[in-house]
N, C-alpha and C. Protein backbone atom coordinates (compact mmCIF):
# COMPACT_ATOMS: atom_id res chain seq x y z
N MET A 1 110.35 101.54 87.93
CA MET A 1 108.96 101.26 88.22
C MET A 1 108.88 99.97 89.02
N LYS A 2 108.18 100.01 90.14
CA LYS A 2 108.00 98.84 90.99
C LYS A 2 106.73 98.10 90.55
N THR A 3 106.92 96.82 90.24
CA THR A 3 105.82 95.99 89.76
C THR A 3 105.49 94.92 90.77
N LEU A 4 104.21 94.79 91.06
CA LEU A 4 103.72 93.75 91.96
C LEU A 4 102.89 92.78 91.15
N ILE A 5 103.27 91.51 91.15
CA ILE A 5 102.50 90.47 90.47
C ILE A 5 101.69 89.73 91.52
N ILE A 6 100.39 89.79 91.37
CA ILE A 6 99.47 89.01 92.20
C ILE A 6 99.17 87.75 91.39
N PHE A 7 99.77 86.64 91.81
CA PHE A 7 99.69 85.38 91.08
C PHE A 7 98.64 84.49 91.73
N ALA A 8 97.66 84.06 90.94
CA ALA A 8 96.58 83.24 91.49
C ALA A 8 96.34 82.04 90.59
N HIS A 9 96.91 80.92 90.97
CA HIS A 9 96.73 79.68 90.22
C HIS A 9 96.61 78.54 91.23
N PRO A 10 95.42 77.93 91.34
CA PRO A 10 95.24 76.89 92.34
C PRO A 10 96.03 75.61 92.09
N HIS A 11 96.52 75.43 90.88
CA HIS A 11 97.29 74.22 90.54
C HIS A 11 98.58 74.63 89.83
N SER A 12 99.31 75.54 90.43
CA SER A 12 100.46 76.14 89.74
C SER A 12 101.58 75.14 89.45
N ARG A 13 101.72 74.12 90.26
CA ARG A 13 102.78 73.13 90.00
C ARG A 13 102.54 72.40 88.68
N ALA A 14 101.30 72.26 88.29
CA ALA A 14 100.95 71.58 87.03
C ALA A 14 100.76 72.56 85.88
N SER A 15 100.98 73.83 86.14
CA SER A 15 100.73 74.86 85.13
C SER A 15 101.73 74.75 83.98
N LYS A 16 101.19 74.70 82.79
CA LYS A 16 102.05 74.63 81.60
C LYS A 16 102.43 76.02 81.11
N VAL A 17 101.64 77.04 81.44
CA VAL A 17 101.88 78.40 80.95
C VAL A 17 102.18 79.38 82.08
N ASN A 18 101.32 79.45 83.08
CA ASN A 18 101.47 80.49 84.10
C ASN A 18 102.73 80.36 84.93
N ARG A 19 103.09 79.16 85.33
CA ARG A 19 104.32 78.98 86.12
C ARG A 19 105.54 79.39 85.30
N PRO A 20 105.69 78.97 84.03
CA PRO A 20 106.84 79.44 83.24
C PRO A 20 106.84 80.96 83.01
N LEU A 21 105.66 81.55 82.82
CA LEU A 21 105.61 83.01 82.67
C LEU A 21 106.07 83.69 83.96
N LEU A 22 105.62 83.18 85.08
CA LEU A 22 106.02 83.76 86.36
C LEU A 22 107.52 83.60 86.57
N LYS A 23 108.04 82.44 86.23
CA LYS A 23 109.48 82.18 86.38
C LYS A 23 110.29 83.17 85.54
N ALA A 24 109.77 83.52 84.36
CA ALA A 24 110.47 84.48 83.49
C ALA A 24 110.47 85.88 84.09
N ALA A 25 109.54 86.16 84.98
CA ALA A 25 109.42 87.51 85.54
C ALA A 25 110.07 87.66 86.91
N GLU A 26 110.20 86.57 87.64
CA GLU A 26 110.61 86.63 89.05
C GLU A 26 111.96 87.29 89.29
N ASP A 27 112.90 87.12 88.36
CA ASP A 27 114.24 87.65 88.60
C ASP A 27 114.44 89.08 88.08
N LEU A 28 113.39 89.70 87.59
CA LEU A 28 113.51 91.07 87.09
C LEU A 28 113.65 92.04 88.26
N ASP A 29 114.46 93.07 88.05
CA ASP A 29 114.58 94.11 89.06
C ASP A 29 113.23 94.77 89.28
N ASN A 30 112.96 95.12 90.52
CA ASN A 30 111.74 95.84 90.88
C ASN A 30 110.45 95.06 90.64
N VAL A 31 110.54 93.72 90.61
CA VAL A 31 109.34 92.89 90.49
C VAL A 31 109.19 92.08 91.78
N THR A 32 108.02 92.18 92.39
CA THR A 32 107.69 91.41 93.57
C THR A 32 106.51 90.51 93.22
N VAL A 33 106.58 89.26 93.67
CA VAL A 33 105.51 88.30 93.38
C VAL A 33 104.85 87.90 94.70
N ARG A 34 103.52 87.91 94.67
CA ARG A 34 102.74 87.40 95.79
C ARG A 34 101.87 86.26 95.23
N ASP A 35 102.20 85.05 95.59
CA ASP A 35 101.50 83.85 95.15
C ASP A 35 100.36 83.60 96.14
N LEU A 36 99.15 83.97 95.76
CA LEU A 36 98.03 83.92 96.68
C LEU A 36 97.74 82.53 97.22
N TYR A 37 97.81 81.51 96.36
CA TYR A 37 97.50 80.16 96.83
C TYR A 37 98.59 79.60 97.75
N GLN A 38 99.80 80.11 97.62
CA GLN A 38 100.86 79.71 98.54
C GLN A 38 100.72 80.47 99.87
N LEU A 39 100.40 81.76 99.79
CA LEU A 39 100.27 82.59 100.99
C LEU A 39 99.01 82.28 101.80
N TYR A 40 97.91 81.99 101.09
CA TYR A 40 96.62 81.87 101.76
C TYR A 40 95.86 80.60 101.36
N PRO A 41 96.42 79.44 101.64
CA PRO A 41 95.72 78.20 101.27
C PRO A 41 94.39 78.05 102.00
N ASP A 42 94.23 78.76 103.10
CA ASP A 42 92.99 78.71 103.88
C ASP A 42 92.02 79.84 103.51
N PHE A 43 92.39 80.65 102.50
CA PHE A 43 91.58 81.78 102.03
C PHE A 43 91.45 82.89 103.08
N LYS A 44 92.28 82.89 104.10
CA LYS A 44 92.27 83.95 105.12
C LYS A 44 93.35 84.95 104.76
N ILE A 45 92.94 85.99 104.07
CA ILE A 45 93.86 86.96 103.48
C ILE A 45 94.26 88.01 104.50
N ASP A 46 95.55 88.29 104.56
CA ASP A 46 96.08 89.36 105.40
C ASP A 46 95.89 90.68 104.65
N VAL A 47 94.78 91.33 104.91
CA VAL A 47 94.41 92.53 104.16
C VAL A 47 95.46 93.62 104.31
N ALA A 48 95.96 93.84 105.51
CA ALA A 48 96.96 94.90 105.73
C ALA A 48 98.22 94.64 104.93
N ALA A 49 98.67 93.39 104.89
CA ALA A 49 99.88 93.05 104.12
C ALA A 49 99.65 93.26 102.63
N GLU A 50 98.48 92.86 102.15
CA GLU A 50 98.18 93.02 100.73
C GLU A 50 98.05 94.49 100.35
N GLN A 51 97.41 95.27 101.19
CA GLN A 51 97.28 96.70 100.90
C GLN A 51 98.64 97.39 100.94
N ALA A 52 99.50 97.00 101.86
CA ALA A 52 100.85 97.57 101.92
C ALA A 52 101.64 97.24 100.66
N ALA A 53 101.51 96.01 100.18
CA ALA A 53 102.21 95.61 98.95
C ALA A 53 101.70 96.41 97.76
N LEU A 54 100.39 96.63 97.70
CA LEU A 54 99.82 97.43 96.61
C LEU A 54 100.28 98.88 96.69
N GLU A 55 100.32 99.43 97.88
CA GLU A 55 100.75 100.82 98.04
C GLU A 55 102.20 101.03 97.60
N ALA A 56 103.03 100.01 97.76
CA ALA A 56 104.44 100.11 97.41
C ALA A 56 104.69 99.97 95.91
N ALA A 57 103.69 99.56 95.16
CA ALA A 57 103.85 99.28 93.73
C ALA A 57 103.41 100.46 92.87
N ASP A 58 104.01 100.52 91.67
CA ASP A 58 103.58 101.47 90.65
C ASP A 58 102.67 100.78 89.63
N ARG A 59 102.95 99.49 89.41
CA ARG A 59 102.18 98.69 88.46
C ARG A 59 101.76 97.40 89.17
N VAL A 60 100.49 97.05 89.01
CA VAL A 60 99.95 95.83 89.59
C VAL A 60 99.57 94.90 88.45
N VAL A 61 100.05 93.67 88.53
CA VAL A 61 99.74 92.65 87.53
C VAL A 61 98.91 91.57 88.21
N LEU A 62 97.75 91.28 87.65
CA LEU A 62 96.95 90.15 88.11
C LEU A 62 97.19 89.03 87.11
N GLN A 63 97.87 87.98 87.55
CA GLN A 63 98.22 86.88 86.65
C GLN A 63 97.48 85.63 87.08
N PHE A 64 96.70 85.06 86.13
CA PHE A 64 95.89 83.90 86.47
C PHE A 64 95.39 83.19 85.22
N PRO A 65 95.02 81.90 85.36
CA PRO A 65 94.33 81.21 84.28
C PRO A 65 92.85 81.56 84.36
N VAL A 66 92.20 81.70 83.23
CA VAL A 66 90.77 81.99 83.21
C VAL A 66 90.02 80.68 83.49
N TYR A 67 89.17 80.73 84.51
CA TYR A 67 88.33 79.59 84.89
C TYR A 67 86.88 80.01 84.71
N TRP A 68 86.14 79.34 83.86
CA TRP A 68 84.74 79.64 83.64
C TRP A 68 84.51 81.14 83.44
N TYR A 69 85.31 81.72 82.54
CA TYR A 69 85.17 83.12 82.13
C TYR A 69 85.48 84.10 83.26
N SER A 70 86.22 83.67 84.23
CA SER A 70 86.53 84.52 85.38
C SER A 70 87.87 84.11 85.98
N SER A 71 88.14 84.66 87.14
CA SER A 71 89.38 84.34 87.84
C SER A 71 89.19 83.15 88.77
N PRO A 72 90.29 82.54 89.22
CA PRO A 72 90.18 81.53 90.26
C PRO A 72 89.58 82.15 91.53
N ALA A 73 88.97 81.33 92.36
CA ALA A 73 88.20 81.80 93.52
C ALA A 73 89.01 82.66 94.48
N LEU A 74 90.26 82.31 94.73
CA LEU A 74 91.04 83.07 95.70
C LEU A 74 91.35 84.49 95.22
N LEU A 75 91.51 84.68 93.93
CA LEU A 75 91.72 86.03 93.42
C LEU A 75 90.45 86.86 93.62
N LYS A 76 89.29 86.29 93.38
CA LYS A 76 88.04 87.01 93.63
C LYS A 76 87.92 87.35 95.11
N GLN A 77 88.27 86.41 95.98
CA GLN A 77 88.24 86.66 97.43
C GLN A 77 89.20 87.79 97.78
N TRP A 78 90.38 87.78 97.18
CA TRP A 78 91.38 88.83 97.40
C TRP A 78 90.80 90.20 97.00
N GLU A 79 90.17 90.26 95.83
CA GLU A 79 89.55 91.52 95.39
C GLU A 79 88.53 91.99 96.41
N ASP A 80 87.65 91.10 96.84
CA ASP A 80 86.59 91.46 97.78
C ASP A 80 87.15 91.94 99.12
N ASP A 81 88.18 91.28 99.61
CA ASP A 81 88.74 91.61 100.93
C ASP A 81 89.67 92.82 100.91
N VAL A 82 90.49 92.94 99.87
CA VAL A 82 91.57 93.94 99.85
C VAL A 82 91.13 95.28 99.27
N LEU A 83 90.34 95.25 98.22
CA LEU A 83 89.97 96.49 97.54
C LEU A 83 88.73 97.11 98.20
N THR A 84 88.93 97.64 99.38
CA THR A 84 87.82 98.10 100.20
C THR A 84 87.45 99.55 99.93
N HIS A 85 86.18 99.84 100.23
CA HIS A 85 85.67 101.21 100.15
C HIS A 85 86.41 102.06 101.18
N GLY A 86 86.78 103.23 100.79
CA GLY A 86 87.52 104.11 101.68
C GLY A 86 89.02 103.93 101.59
N TRP A 87 89.44 102.82 100.98
CA TRP A 87 90.86 102.61 100.73
C TRP A 87 91.13 102.59 99.23
N ALA A 88 90.46 101.71 98.50
CA ALA A 88 90.70 101.58 97.06
C ALA A 88 89.76 102.44 96.23
N TYR A 89 88.60 102.76 96.75
CA TYR A 89 87.63 103.56 95.99
C TYR A 89 86.74 104.30 96.97
N GLY A 90 85.90 105.15 96.43
CA GLY A 90 85.04 105.99 97.25
C GLY A 90 85.69 107.37 97.40
N SER A 91 84.99 108.27 98.05
CA SER A 91 85.48 109.65 98.14
C SER A 91 86.83 109.76 98.85
N LYS A 92 87.14 108.84 99.74
CA LYS A 92 88.43 108.87 100.45
C LYS A 92 89.35 107.73 100.03
N GLY A 93 88.91 106.89 99.11
CA GLY A 93 89.69 105.74 98.68
C GLY A 93 90.58 106.05 97.50
N LYS A 94 91.78 106.51 97.76
CA LYS A 94 92.69 106.94 96.69
C LYS A 94 94.00 106.16 96.66
N ALA A 95 94.09 105.08 97.40
CA ALA A 95 95.36 104.35 97.53
C ALA A 95 95.93 103.84 96.21
N LEU A 96 95.09 103.57 95.22
CA LEU A 96 95.55 103.00 93.96
C LEU A 96 95.59 104.01 92.82
N HIS A 97 95.15 105.22 93.08
CA HIS A 97 95.10 106.23 92.02
C HIS A 97 96.46 106.41 91.35
N GLY A 98 96.44 106.39 90.02
CA GLY A 98 97.65 106.62 89.24
C GLY A 98 98.49 105.39 88.99
N LYS A 99 98.19 104.30 89.65
CA LYS A 99 98.95 103.06 89.41
C LYS A 99 98.42 102.40 88.14
N GLU A 100 99.22 101.53 87.57
CA GLU A 100 98.82 100.78 86.38
C GLU A 100 98.28 99.41 86.77
N LEU A 101 97.30 98.93 86.01
CA LEU A 101 96.77 97.58 86.20
C LEU A 101 96.94 96.81 84.89
N LEU A 102 97.66 95.71 84.97
CA LEU A 102 97.87 94.81 83.84
C LEU A 102 97.30 93.45 84.20
N VAL A 103 96.48 92.90 83.34
CA VAL A 103 95.93 91.57 83.54
C VAL A 103 96.66 90.62 82.60
N CYS A 104 97.24 89.57 83.18
CA CYS A 104 97.96 88.54 82.42
C CYS A 104 97.21 87.24 82.59
N VAL A 105 96.59 86.77 81.51
CA VAL A 105 95.75 85.58 81.60
C VAL A 105 96.12 84.52 80.58
N SER A 106 95.72 83.31 80.89
CA SER A 106 95.85 82.21 79.93
C SER A 106 94.51 81.50 79.83
N VAL A 107 94.26 80.95 78.66
CA VAL A 107 93.06 80.13 78.43
C VAL A 107 93.48 78.86 77.70
N GLY A 108 92.75 77.80 77.94
CA GLY A 108 93.09 76.52 77.33
C GLY A 108 92.82 76.48 75.83
N GLY A 109 91.77 77.16 75.39
CA GLY A 109 91.38 77.12 73.99
C GLY A 109 92.17 78.08 73.12
N GLY A 110 92.09 77.85 71.83
CA GLY A 110 92.77 78.70 70.86
C GLY A 110 92.07 80.03 70.68
N GLN A 111 92.78 80.98 70.09
CA GLN A 111 92.25 82.32 69.89
C GLN A 111 90.98 82.31 69.04
N GLU A 112 90.88 81.34 68.12
CA GLU A 112 89.70 81.27 67.26
C GLU A 112 88.42 81.01 68.05
N HIS A 113 88.54 80.48 69.25
CA HIS A 113 87.37 80.24 70.10
C HIS A 113 86.88 81.51 70.77
N TYR A 114 87.76 82.51 70.84
CA TYR A 114 87.45 83.77 71.52
C TYR A 114 87.21 84.87 70.49
N THR A 115 86.18 84.67 69.69
CA THR A 115 85.72 85.64 68.71
C THR A 115 84.20 85.68 68.83
N ARG A 116 83.59 86.63 68.19
CA ARG A 116 82.13 86.71 68.21
C ARG A 116 81.50 85.47 67.56
N GLU A 117 82.17 84.92 66.56
CA GLU A 117 81.66 83.75 65.86
C GLU A 117 82.18 82.45 66.47
N GLY A 118 83.10 82.53 67.39
CA GLY A 118 83.73 81.34 67.95
C GLY A 118 82.91 80.67 69.04
N LEU A 119 83.47 79.65 69.60
CA LEU A 119 82.81 78.81 70.60
C LEU A 119 82.25 79.61 71.77
N HIS A 120 82.99 80.62 72.23
CA HIS A 120 82.59 81.35 73.42
C HIS A 120 81.77 82.60 73.12
N GLY A 121 81.75 83.05 71.87
CA GLY A 121 80.91 84.17 71.48
C GLY A 121 81.41 85.55 71.87
N TYR A 122 82.56 85.61 72.52
CA TYR A 122 83.15 86.88 72.95
C TYR A 122 84.66 86.82 72.76
N ARG A 123 85.24 87.99 72.56
CA ARG A 123 86.70 88.08 72.58
C ARG A 123 87.15 87.98 74.03
N LEU A 124 88.33 87.49 74.24
CA LEU A 124 88.85 87.37 75.60
C LEU A 124 88.93 88.74 76.26
N ALA A 125 89.31 89.76 75.51
CA ALA A 125 89.38 91.11 76.08
C ALA A 125 88.02 91.56 76.62
N GLU A 126 86.96 91.14 75.97
CA GLU A 126 85.62 91.49 76.45
C GLU A 126 85.30 90.79 77.78
N LEU A 127 85.75 89.55 77.91
CA LEU A 127 85.51 88.82 79.15
C LEU A 127 86.29 89.41 80.32
N LEU A 128 87.32 90.20 80.01
CA LEU A 128 88.13 90.84 81.05
C LEU A 128 87.63 92.23 81.43
N ARG A 129 86.52 92.64 80.86
CA ARG A 129 85.99 93.98 81.13
C ARG A 129 85.80 94.30 82.62
N PRO A 130 85.44 93.36 83.48
CA PRO A 130 85.32 93.71 84.91
C PRO A 130 86.63 94.28 85.48
N TYR A 131 87.77 93.83 84.97
CA TYR A 131 89.04 94.36 85.47
C TYR A 131 89.27 95.78 84.97
N GLN A 132 88.82 96.05 83.76
CA GLN A 132 88.90 97.41 83.23
C GLN A 132 88.00 98.32 84.06
N SER A 133 86.82 97.85 84.42
CA SER A 133 85.92 98.63 85.28
C SER A 133 86.53 98.84 86.66
N MET A 134 87.17 97.79 87.20
CA MET A 134 87.82 97.90 88.50
C MET A 134 88.91 98.97 88.45
N ALA A 135 89.68 98.97 87.37
CA ALA A 135 90.73 99.99 87.23
C ALA A 135 90.12 101.39 87.22
N GLY A 136 89.04 101.55 86.47
CA GLY A 136 88.39 102.85 86.42
C GLY A 136 87.89 103.30 87.78
N LEU A 137 87.24 102.40 88.52
CA LEU A 137 86.69 102.74 89.82
C LEU A 137 87.78 103.11 90.82
N THR A 138 88.92 102.45 90.72
CA THR A 138 90.00 102.68 91.69
C THR A 138 91.02 103.73 91.22
N GLY A 139 90.78 104.32 90.04
CA GLY A 139 91.68 105.37 89.55
C GLY A 139 92.97 104.85 88.94
N MET A 140 92.96 103.58 88.54
CA MET A 140 94.16 102.98 87.93
C MET A 140 94.10 103.12 86.42
N LYS A 141 95.25 103.03 85.79
CA LYS A 141 95.36 103.05 84.33
C LYS A 141 95.37 101.60 83.86
N TYR A 142 94.37 101.22 83.07
CA TYR A 142 94.25 99.85 82.60
C TYR A 142 95.13 99.65 81.37
N ILE A 143 96.02 98.69 81.45
CA ILE A 143 96.96 98.38 80.38
C ILE A 143 96.38 97.24 79.53
N ARG A 144 96.66 97.27 78.25
CA ARG A 144 96.20 96.20 77.37
C ARG A 144 96.61 94.85 77.95
N PRO A 145 95.66 93.92 78.11
CA PRO A 145 95.96 92.63 78.74
C PRO A 145 97.00 91.81 77.97
N PHE A 146 97.72 91.01 78.71
CA PHE A 146 98.68 90.06 78.14
C PHE A 146 97.98 88.70 78.15
N MET A 147 97.71 88.17 76.98
CA MET A 147 96.89 86.96 76.86
C MET A 147 97.66 85.83 76.18
N THR A 148 97.53 84.65 76.75
CA THR A 148 98.11 83.45 76.15
C THR A 148 96.98 82.48 75.84
N PHE A 149 96.82 82.17 74.56
CA PHE A 149 95.78 81.25 74.11
C PHE A 149 96.37 79.86 73.95
N GLY A 150 95.51 78.85 73.98
CA GLY A 150 95.94 77.47 73.72
C GLY A 150 96.87 76.91 74.76
N ALA A 151 96.64 77.24 76.02
CA ALA A 151 97.55 76.81 77.08
C ALA A 151 97.70 75.29 77.15
N ARG A 152 96.68 74.57 76.78
CA ARG A 152 96.75 73.11 76.85
C ARG A 152 97.68 72.51 75.80
N THR A 153 97.82 73.20 74.68
CA THR A 153 98.56 72.62 73.56
C THR A 153 99.69 73.51 73.06
N ILE A 154 100.06 74.54 73.80
CA ILE A 154 101.05 75.49 73.33
C ILE A 154 102.39 74.80 73.07
N ALA A 155 103.00 75.12 71.95
CA ALA A 155 104.30 74.56 71.60
C ALA A 155 105.39 75.24 72.43
N ASP A 156 106.46 74.52 72.68
CA ASP A 156 107.56 75.05 73.49
C ASP A 156 108.08 76.38 72.95
N GLU A 157 108.24 76.46 71.64
CA GLU A 157 108.75 77.70 71.03
C GLU A 157 107.78 78.86 71.25
N ASP A 158 106.49 78.61 71.14
CA ASP A 158 105.50 79.66 71.37
C ASP A 158 105.50 80.10 72.83
N LEU A 159 105.66 79.16 73.74
CA LEU A 159 105.72 79.49 75.16
C LEU A 159 106.96 80.33 75.46
N GLN A 160 108.09 79.96 74.87
CA GLN A 160 109.31 80.74 75.06
C GLN A 160 109.14 82.17 74.52
N ASN A 161 108.46 82.31 73.40
CA ASN A 161 108.17 83.64 72.87
C ASN A 161 107.28 84.43 73.83
N GLN A 162 106.30 83.77 74.42
CA GLN A 162 105.43 84.44 75.39
C GLN A 162 106.23 84.87 76.63
N GLN A 163 107.14 84.02 77.08
CA GLN A 163 107.98 84.38 78.22
C GLN A 163 108.80 85.63 77.91
N ARG A 164 109.40 85.66 76.73
CA ARG A 164 110.20 86.81 76.33
C ARG A 164 109.34 88.07 76.25
N ARG A 165 108.16 87.94 75.63
CA ARG A 165 107.26 89.09 75.50
C ARG A 165 106.80 89.59 76.87
N TYR A 166 106.53 88.69 77.78
CA TYR A 166 106.09 89.06 79.13
C TYR A 166 107.20 89.83 79.86
N ARG A 167 108.42 89.31 79.80
CA ARG A 167 109.55 90.01 80.42
C ARG A 167 109.70 91.41 79.84
N GLU A 168 109.62 91.52 78.51
CA GLU A 168 109.74 92.83 77.87
C GLU A 168 108.63 93.77 78.32
N LEU A 169 107.42 93.26 78.39
CA LEU A 169 106.30 94.10 78.82
C LEU A 169 106.49 94.59 80.24
N LEU A 170 106.93 93.71 81.13
CA LEU A 170 107.13 94.09 82.52
C LEU A 170 108.25 95.12 82.69
N GLN A 171 109.16 95.16 81.72
CA GLN A 171 110.26 96.12 81.79
C GLN A 171 109.97 97.42 81.03
N THR A 172 108.83 97.46 80.34
CA THR A 172 108.46 98.63 79.56
C THR A 172 107.91 99.70 80.48
N ALA A 173 108.44 100.88 80.38
CA ALA A 173 107.98 101.98 81.24
C ALA A 173 106.60 102.49 80.85
N ASP A 174 106.25 102.40 79.58
CA ASP A 174 104.98 102.95 79.12
C ASP A 174 104.28 101.97 78.19
N PRO A 175 103.67 100.92 78.75
CA PRO A 175 102.97 99.95 77.90
C PRO A 175 101.74 100.55 77.27
N LEU A 176 101.19 99.87 76.31
CA LEU A 176 100.02 100.36 75.59
C LEU A 176 98.79 100.38 76.48
N PRO A 177 98.12 101.52 76.56
CA PRO A 177 96.87 101.55 77.33
C PRO A 177 95.77 100.84 76.56
N ALA A 178 94.77 100.43 77.26
CA ALA A 178 93.61 99.79 76.64
C ALA A 178 92.58 100.86 76.32
N TYR A 179 91.99 100.75 75.17
CA TYR A 179 90.93 101.66 74.76
C TYR A 179 89.69 100.86 74.43
N GLY A 180 88.55 101.27 74.93
CA GLY A 180 87.30 100.62 74.60
C GLY A 180 87.37 99.12 74.76
N LEU A 181 86.99 98.40 73.74
CA LEU A 181 87.03 96.94 73.76
C LEU A 181 88.27 96.40 73.06
N LEU A 182 89.31 97.18 73.04
CA LEU A 182 90.57 96.77 72.43
C LEU A 182 90.36 96.46 70.95
N GLU A 183 89.90 97.46 70.24
CA GLU A 183 89.59 97.28 68.82
C GLU A 183 90.79 96.79 68.02
N THR A 184 92.00 97.01 68.51
CA THR A 184 93.17 96.57 67.77
C THR A 184 93.42 95.08 67.90
N GLU A 185 92.75 94.44 68.86
CA GLU A 185 92.90 92.99 69.00
C GLU A 185 92.17 92.33 67.83
N SER A 186 92.75 91.28 67.30
CA SER A 186 92.09 90.62 66.18
C SER A 186 90.75 90.07 66.62
N ASN A 187 89.75 90.27 65.73
CA ASN A 187 88.36 89.87 65.98
C ASN A 187 87.91 90.33 67.33
């Protein structure tokens, strides 16, 4: 299975979680990484190159830190520019049909903040619903998100466990699909 990681982190050199997760994945067979902030610091996205990379993949991973309950700006720009009508969706837009979509995110706060009773009032999986909708619209299979909580304070051992889990997930031929609001996720 060919996996394409779309990596979007505007401050990746200072990243405590996303850069190490990416490093754990980069040397895997059949994994290609496209670092959006490195490729497009001017936000001028090469749509043809991005669409070709997507067409060559079986699984697409969007990896990013959550900023204000959403993605960093360049990933949103990438979505707007690359996932076009007639190519990614619409009656003739079938380029992504049958591919898998995995969202790999990190948040600074602990998991207890991402509950109905917590600081943010929503589970993290609920905040990622637009990606699940995007998968549905484009005919992709939405995979249960890979989430890292407490990025600001994560212990080295916990980060190493996340790196191992991420590598294993990327090498899994049939990861767990997402159902509804991910009822199996705690709270």
